[in-house]
Amino acid sequence: MNHAIERGQIALLPQTLIEFVFVIFRKKFDRYFEAYRQRLELIETIRKNIVFVTPVEQIVACRDPKDNMLLELAVAAKALCIVTGDHDLQILDPFGNIRIVSPTEFIELF
């Protein structure tokens, strides 16, 4: 996350932030955090460093219809990239001028 913050702004939809908060507390993410407090600190860091963007264009390009909103967000934000582990989005790379990369690729490329 610090890598992304150092490189520019992070654009989100309010619903994606809410989803992230729910997801980060799932048991499968326990291995990434030594303490509950670390998750709260990450959420606070994100909250302080994001820009909420409202999409203005409807896009239907992704196999998973729920992922289209992320494409809409990226276009509205004039994003350089979307960072995701979602294969349904990754197969669209690039989407116009927007790269769709894994977290590892993001660190390597940006």
N, C-alpha and C. Protein backbone atom coordinates (compact mmCIF):
# COMPACT_ATOMS: atom_id res chain seq x y z
N MET A 1 0.82 -1.18 0.00
CA MET A 1 0.00 0.00 0.00
C MET A 1 0.87 1.26 0.00
N ASN A 2 1.94 1.23 0.78
CA ASN A 2 2.82 2.40 0.81
C ASN A 2 3.41 2.68 -0.56
N HIS A 3 3.71 1.63 -1.30
CA HIS A 3 4.25 1.78 -2.66
C HIS A 3 3.26 2.57 -3.52
N ALA A 4 1.99 2.22 -3.43
CA ALA A 4 0.97 2.91 -4.22
C ALA A 4 0.81 4.36 -3.77
N ILE A 5 0.82 4.60 -2.48
CA ILE A 5 0.67 5.95 -1.96
C ILE A 5 1.83 6.83 -2.41
N GLU A 6 3.03 6.29 -2.40
CA GLU A 6 4.21 7.04 -2.83
C GLU A 6 4.18 7.37 -4.32
N ARG A 7 3.49 6.57 -5.11
CA ARG A 7 3.48 6.74 -6.56
C ARG A 7 2.36 7.62 -7.07
N GLY A 8 1.36 7.90 -6.25
CA GLY A 8 0.25 8.72 -6.72
C GLY A 8 -0.98 8.51 -5.87
N GLN A 9 -2.10 8.90 -6.42
CA GLN A 9 -3.35 8.80 -5.69
C GLN A 9 -3.99 7.44 -5.90
N ILE A 10 -4.78 7.04 -4.92
CA ILE A 10 -5.55 5.81 -5.00
C ILE A 10 -7.01 6.20 -5.13
N ALA A 11 -7.63 5.79 -6.21
CA ALA A 11 -9.04 6.12 -6.44
C ALA A 11 -9.90 4.92 -6.08
N LEU A 12 -10.98 5.19 -5.37
CA LEU A 12 -11.91 4.13 -4.98
C LEU A 12 -13.34 4.61 -5.11
N LEU A 13 -14.23 3.66 -5.19
CA LEU A 13 -15.65 3.90 -5.02
C LEU A 13 -15.97 3.66 -3.55
N PRO A 14 -16.94 4.35 -2.99
CA PRO A 14 -17.28 4.08 -1.59
C PRO A 14 -17.55 2.60 -1.33
N GLN A 15 -18.24 1.93 -2.24
CA GLN A 15 -18.57 0.52 -2.03
C GLN A 15 -17.34 -0.38 -2.07
N THR A 16 -16.29 0.02 -2.81
CA THR A 16 -15.09 -0.81 -2.83
C THR A 16 -14.32 -0.68 -1.52
N LEU A 17 -14.36 0.49 -0.91
CA LEU A 17 -13.73 0.65 0.41
C LEU A 17 -14.47 -0.18 1.45
N ILE A 18 -15.78 -0.15 1.41
CA ILE A 18 -16.59 -0.94 2.35
C ILE A 18 -16.29 -2.42 2.17
N GLU A 19 -16.25 -2.88 0.92
CA GLU A 19 -15.95 -4.29 0.66
C GLU A 19 -14.56 -4.66 1.18
N PHE A 20 -13.58 -3.78 0.96
CA PHE A 20 -12.22 -4.04 1.44
C PHE A 20 -12.21 -4.22 2.96
N VAL A 21 -12.93 -3.37 3.66
CA VAL A 21 -12.96 -3.45 5.12
C VAL A 21 -13.52 -4.80 5.57
N PHE A 22 -14.56 -5.26 4.92
CA PHE A 22 -15.11 -6.58 5.28
C PHE A 22 -14.15 -7.70 4.93
N VAL A 23 -13.55 -7.63 3.77
CA VAL A 23 -12.68 -8.70 3.29
C VAL A 23 -11.41 -8.83 4.13
N ILE A 24 -10.81 -7.72 4.50
CA ILE A 24 -9.53 -7.76 5.21
C ILE A 24 -9.63 -8.46 6.57
N PHE A 25 -10.84 -8.57 7.10
CA PHE A 25 -11.01 -9.24 8.38
C PHE A 25 -11.35 -10.73 8.23
N ARG A 26 -11.35 -11.24 7.01
CA ARG A 26 -11.57 -12.67 6.81
C ARG A 26 -10.37 -13.46 7.34
N LYS A 27 -10.66 -14.64 7.81
CA LYS A 27 -9.64 -15.50 8.42
C LYS A 27 -8.47 -15.76 7.48
N LYS A 28 -8.74 -15.88 6.18
CA LYS A 28 -7.66 -16.22 5.24
C LYS A 28 -6.58 -15.13 5.16
N PHE A 29 -6.87 -13.94 5.68
CA PHE A 29 -5.87 -12.87 5.67
C PHE A 29 -5.10 -12.77 6.98
N ASP A 30 -5.40 -13.65 7.93
CA ASP A 30 -4.69 -13.65 9.21
C ASP A 30 -3.18 -13.78 9.04
N ARG A 31 -2.75 -14.53 8.05
CA ARG A 31 -1.32 -14.77 7.86
C ARG A 31 -0.54 -13.51 7.47
N TYR A 32 -1.26 -12.48 7.00
CA TYR A 32 -0.59 -11.25 6.59
C TYR A 32 -0.50 -10.21 7.72
N PHE A 33 -1.20 -10.47 8.81
CA PHE A 33 -1.26 -9.51 9.90
C PHE A 33 -0.96 -10.20 11.22
N GLU A 34 -0.02 -9.66 11.97
CA GLU A 34 0.32 -10.22 13.27
C GLU A 34 -0.72 -9.85 14.33
N ALA A 35 -1.35 -8.70 14.14
CA ALA A 35 -2.31 -8.22 15.14
C ALA A 35 -3.49 -7.56 14.45
N TYR A 36 -4.61 -7.58 15.15
CA TYR A 36 -5.85 -6.94 14.70
C TYR A 36 -5.59 -5.46 14.41
N ARG A 37 -4.78 -4.85 15.26
CA ARG A 37 -4.44 -3.43 15.17
C ARG A 37 -3.84 -3.10 13.80
N GLN A 38 -3.07 -4.00 13.24
CA GLN A 38 -2.44 -3.75 11.93
C GLN A 38 -3.48 -3.58 10.83
N ARG A 39 -4.54 -4.33 10.92
CA ARG A 39 -5.61 -4.20 9.92
C ARG A 39 -6.27 -2.82 10.05
N LEU A 40 -6.51 -2.42 11.30
CA LEU A 40 -7.12 -1.11 11.52
C LEU A 40 -6.20 0.01 11.03
N GLU A 41 -4.90 -0.14 11.24
CA GLU A 41 -3.94 0.86 10.77
C GLU A 41 -3.93 0.93 9.24
N LEU A 42 -4.01 -0.21 8.58
CA LEU A 42 -4.05 -0.23 7.12
C LEU A 42 -5.31 0.47 6.61
N ILE A 43 -6.44 0.18 7.22
CA ILE A 43 -7.69 0.83 6.82
C ILE A 43 -7.58 2.34 7.00
N GLU A 44 -7.00 2.78 8.10
CA GLU A 44 -6.84 4.21 8.35
C GLU A 44 -5.89 4.84 7.34
N THR A 45 -4.81 4.17 7.00
CA THR A 45 -3.88 4.68 5.99
C THR A 45 -4.58 4.83 4.64
N ILE A 46 -5.36 3.84 4.27
CA ILE A 46 -6.10 3.92 3.01
C ILE A 46 -7.09 5.08 3.06
N ARG A 47 -7.84 5.16 4.15
CA ARG A 47 -8.85 6.22 4.28
C ARG A 47 -8.23 7.61 4.12
N LYS A 48 -7.05 7.80 4.65
CA LYS A 48 -6.38 9.10 4.58
C LYS A 48 -5.79 9.40 3.21
N ASN A 49 -5.63 8.40 2.38
CA ASN A 49 -4.90 8.58 1.11
C ASN A 49 -5.70 8.25 -0.14
N ILE A 50 -7.00 8.16 -0.01
CA ILE A 50 -7.81 7.83 -1.19
C ILE A 50 -8.57 9.05 -1.69
N VAL A 51 -8.98 8.93 -2.93
CA VAL A 51 -9.85 9.90 -3.56
C VAL A 51 -11.06 9.12 -4.04
N PHE A 52 -12.24 9.55 -3.64
CA PHE A 52 -13.45 8.91 -4.15
C PHE A 52 -13.77 9.53 -5.51
N VAL A 53 -14.03 8.66 -6.47
CA VAL A 53 -14.33 9.09 -7.84
C VAL A 53 -15.69 8.52 -8.22
N THR A 54 -16.47 9.35 -8.91
CA THR A 54 -17.78 8.92 -9.38
C THR A 54 -17.70 8.64 -10.88
N PRO A 55 -17.90 7.39 -11.28
CA PRO A 55 -17.87 7.06 -12.71
C PRO A 55 -18.97 7.80 -13.46
N VAL A 56 -18.67 8.17 -14.69
CA VAL A 56 -19.65 8.87 -15.51
C VAL A 56 -20.04 8.06 -16.75
N GLU A 57 -19.34 6.98 -16.98
CA GLU A 57 -19.54 6.16 -18.17
C GLU A 57 -19.83 4.73 -17.75
N GLN A 58 -20.85 4.13 -18.37
CA GLN A 58 -21.13 2.72 -18.09
C GLN A 58 -20.32 1.86 -19.05
N ILE A 59 -19.62 0.87 -18.47
CA ILE A 59 -18.77 -0.02 -19.26
C ILE A 59 -19.23 -1.45 -19.05
N VAL A 60 -19.36 -2.18 -20.15
CA VAL A 60 -19.68 -3.60 -20.09
C VAL A 60 -18.59 -4.31 -20.89
N ALA A 61 -17.56 -4.78 -20.18
CA ALA A 61 -16.43 -5.40 -20.86
C ALA A 61 -15.93 -6.64 -20.15
N CYS A 62 -16.31 -6.82 -18.90
CA CYS A 62 -15.74 -7.89 -18.09
C CYS A 62 -16.67 -9.10 -18.04
N ARG A 63 -16.07 -10.26 -17.96
CA ARG A 63 -16.82 -11.50 -17.85
C ARG A 63 -17.69 -11.51 -16.60
N ASP A 64 -17.17 -10.95 -15.51
CA ASP A 64 -17.91 -10.83 -14.25
C ASP A 64 -18.52 -9.43 -14.21
N PRO A 65 -19.82 -9.29 -14.35
CA PRO A 65 -20.45 -7.96 -14.42
C PRO A 65 -20.13 -7.06 -13.23
N LYS A 66 -19.87 -7.64 -12.06
CA LYS A 66 -19.55 -6.82 -10.88
C LYS A 66 -18.22 -6.09 -11.04
N ASP A 67 -17.35 -6.61 -11.89
CA ASP A 67 -16.04 -6.00 -12.08
C ASP A 67 -16.06 -4.80 -13.03
N ASN A 68 -17.16 -4.64 -13.76
CA ASN A 68 -17.26 -3.50 -14.67
C ASN A 68 -17.14 -2.17 -13.92
N MET A 69 -17.62 -2.14 -12.68
CA MET A 69 -17.55 -0.89 -11.92
C MET A 69 -16.10 -0.46 -11.67
N LEU A 70 -15.19 -1.43 -11.58
CA LEU A 70 -13.78 -1.08 -11.40
C LEU A 70 -13.19 -0.48 -12.68
N LEU A 71 -13.63 -0.96 -13.81
CA LEU A 71 -13.22 -0.37 -15.08
C LEU A 71 -13.77 1.05 -15.20
N GLU A 72 -15.04 1.22 -14.82
CA GLU A 72 -15.67 2.54 -14.85
C GLU A 72 -14.92 3.52 -13.94
N LEU A 73 -14.54 3.05 -12.77
CA LEU A 73 -13.78 3.86 -11.82
C LEU A 73 -12.44 4.27 -12.42
N ALA A 74 -11.73 3.31 -12.98
CA ALA A 74 -10.41 3.59 -13.55
C ALA A 74 -10.49 4.60 -14.69
N VAL A 75 -11.48 4.47 -15.54
CA VAL A 75 -11.65 5.41 -16.65
C VAL A 75 -11.97 6.80 -16.11
N ALA A 76 -12.89 6.89 -15.16
CA ALA A 76 -13.27 8.18 -14.59
C ALA A 76 -12.10 8.85 -13.86
N ALA A 77 -11.27 8.04 -13.21
CA ALA A 77 -10.13 8.57 -12.46
C ALA A 77 -8.92 8.85 -13.36
N LYS A 78 -9.03 8.48 -14.63
CA LYS A 78 -7.89 8.58 -15.55
C LYS A 78 -6.67 7.84 -14.97
N ALA A 79 -6.95 6.65 -14.49
CA ALA A 79 -5.94 5.84 -13.82
C ALA A 79 -4.89 5.32 -14.80
N LEU A 80 -3.69 5.14 -14.27
CA LEU A 80 -2.63 4.49 -15.04
C LEU A 80 -2.79 2.98 -15.00
N CYS A 81 -3.34 2.49 -13.87
CA CYS A 81 -3.47 1.05 -13.73
C CYS A 81 -4.56 0.68 -12.73
N ILE A 82 -4.96 -0.57 -12.81
CA ILE A 82 -5.81 -1.21 -11.81
C ILE A 82 -4.96 -2.31 -11.22
N VAL A 83 -4.87 -2.35 -9.90
CA VAL A 83 -4.10 -3.39 -9.22
C VAL A 83 -5.09 -4.40 -8.66
N THR A 84 -4.98 -5.65 -9.13
CA THR A 84 -5.95 -6.66 -8.74
C THR A 84 -5.38 -8.06 -8.90
N GLY A 85 -5.91 -8.96 -8.14
CA GLY A 85 -5.59 -10.38 -8.29
C GLY A 85 -6.71 -11.10 -9.03
N ASP A 86 -7.71 -10.37 -9.48
CA ASP A 86 -8.89 -10.93 -10.13
C ASP A 86 -8.58 -11.26 -11.59
N HIS A 87 -8.61 -12.55 -11.90
CA HIS A 87 -8.28 -13.00 -13.26
C HIS A 87 -9.25 -12.44 -14.30
N ASP A 88 -10.53 -12.29 -13.94
CA ASP A 88 -11.50 -11.75 -14.89
C ASP A 88 -11.12 -10.34 -15.34
N LEU A 89 -10.47 -9.59 -14.49
CA LEU A 89 -9.98 -8.27 -14.88
C LEU A 89 -8.62 -8.35 -15.56
N GLN A 90 -7.74 -9.19 -15.05
CA GLN A 90 -6.38 -9.27 -15.59
C GLN A 90 -6.35 -9.65 -17.06
N ILE A 91 -7.30 -10.46 -17.50
CA ILE A 91 -7.29 -10.87 -18.91
C ILE A 91 -7.63 -9.71 -19.86
N LEU A 92 -8.11 -8.60 -19.31
CA LEU A 92 -8.42 -7.43 -20.14
C LEU A 92 -7.22 -6.49 -20.32
N ASP A 93 -6.10 -6.83 -19.70
CA ASP A 93 -4.92 -5.97 -19.75
C ASP A 93 -4.32 -5.91 -21.14
N PRO A 94 -4.10 -4.72 -21.65
CA PRO A 94 -4.51 -3.43 -21.11
C PRO A 94 -5.95 -3.12 -21.49
N PHE A 95 -6.60 -2.30 -20.70
CA PHE A 95 -7.95 -1.83 -21.00
C PHE A 95 -7.80 -0.39 -21.48
N GLY A 96 -7.78 -0.21 -22.80
CA GLY A 96 -7.43 1.10 -23.35
C GLY A 96 -5.99 1.41 -22.97
N ASN A 97 -5.80 2.54 -22.32
CA ASN A 97 -4.46 2.94 -21.86
C ASN A 97 -4.21 2.53 -20.41
N ILE A 98 -5.13 1.79 -19.82
CA ILE A 98 -5.03 1.43 -18.41
C ILE A 98 -4.48 0.01 -18.28
N ARG A 99 -3.35 -0.12 -17.60
CA ARG A 99 -2.79 -1.44 -17.32
C ARG A 99 -3.60 -2.10 -16.21
N ILE A 100 -3.74 -3.40 -16.28
CA ILE A 100 -4.39 -4.18 -15.22
C ILE A 100 -3.35 -5.17 -14.75
N VAL A 101 -2.86 -4.95 -13.54
CA VAL A 101 -1.70 -5.68 -13.05
C VAL A 101 -1.94 -6.29 -11.67
N SER A 102 -1.17 -7.32 -11.38
CA SER A 102 -1.20 -7.92 -10.05
C SER A 102 -0.42 -7.02 -9.09
N PRO A 103 -0.59 -7.20 -7.78
CA PRO A 103 0.21 -6.41 -6.84
C PRO A 103 1.71 -6.53 -7.09
N THR A 104 2.19 -7.73 -7.40
CA THR A 104 3.62 -7.93 -7.67
C THR A 104 4.05 -7.17 -8.92
N GLU A 105 3.26 -7.24 -9.96
CA GLU A 105 3.58 -6.50 -11.19
C GLU A 105 3.59 -4.99 -10.94
N PHE A 106 2.66 -4.53 -10.12
CA PHE A 106 2.61 -3.10 -9.80
C PHE A 106 3.93 -2.63 -9.20
N ILE A 107 4.42 -3.39 -8.24
CA ILE A 107 5.68 -3.02 -7.59
C ILE A 107 6.83 -3.04 -8.60
N GLU A 108 6.81 -4.02 -9.50
CA GLU A 108 7.88 -4.12 -10.50
C GLU A 108 7.81 -3.02 -11.56
N LEU A 109 6.60 -2.67 -11.99
CA LEU A 109 6.41 -1.74 -13.10
C LEU A 109 6.36 -0.28 -12.69
N PHE A 110 5.87 -0.03 -11.49
CA PHE A 110 5.67 1.36 -11.08
C PHE A 110 6.56 1.63 -9.89
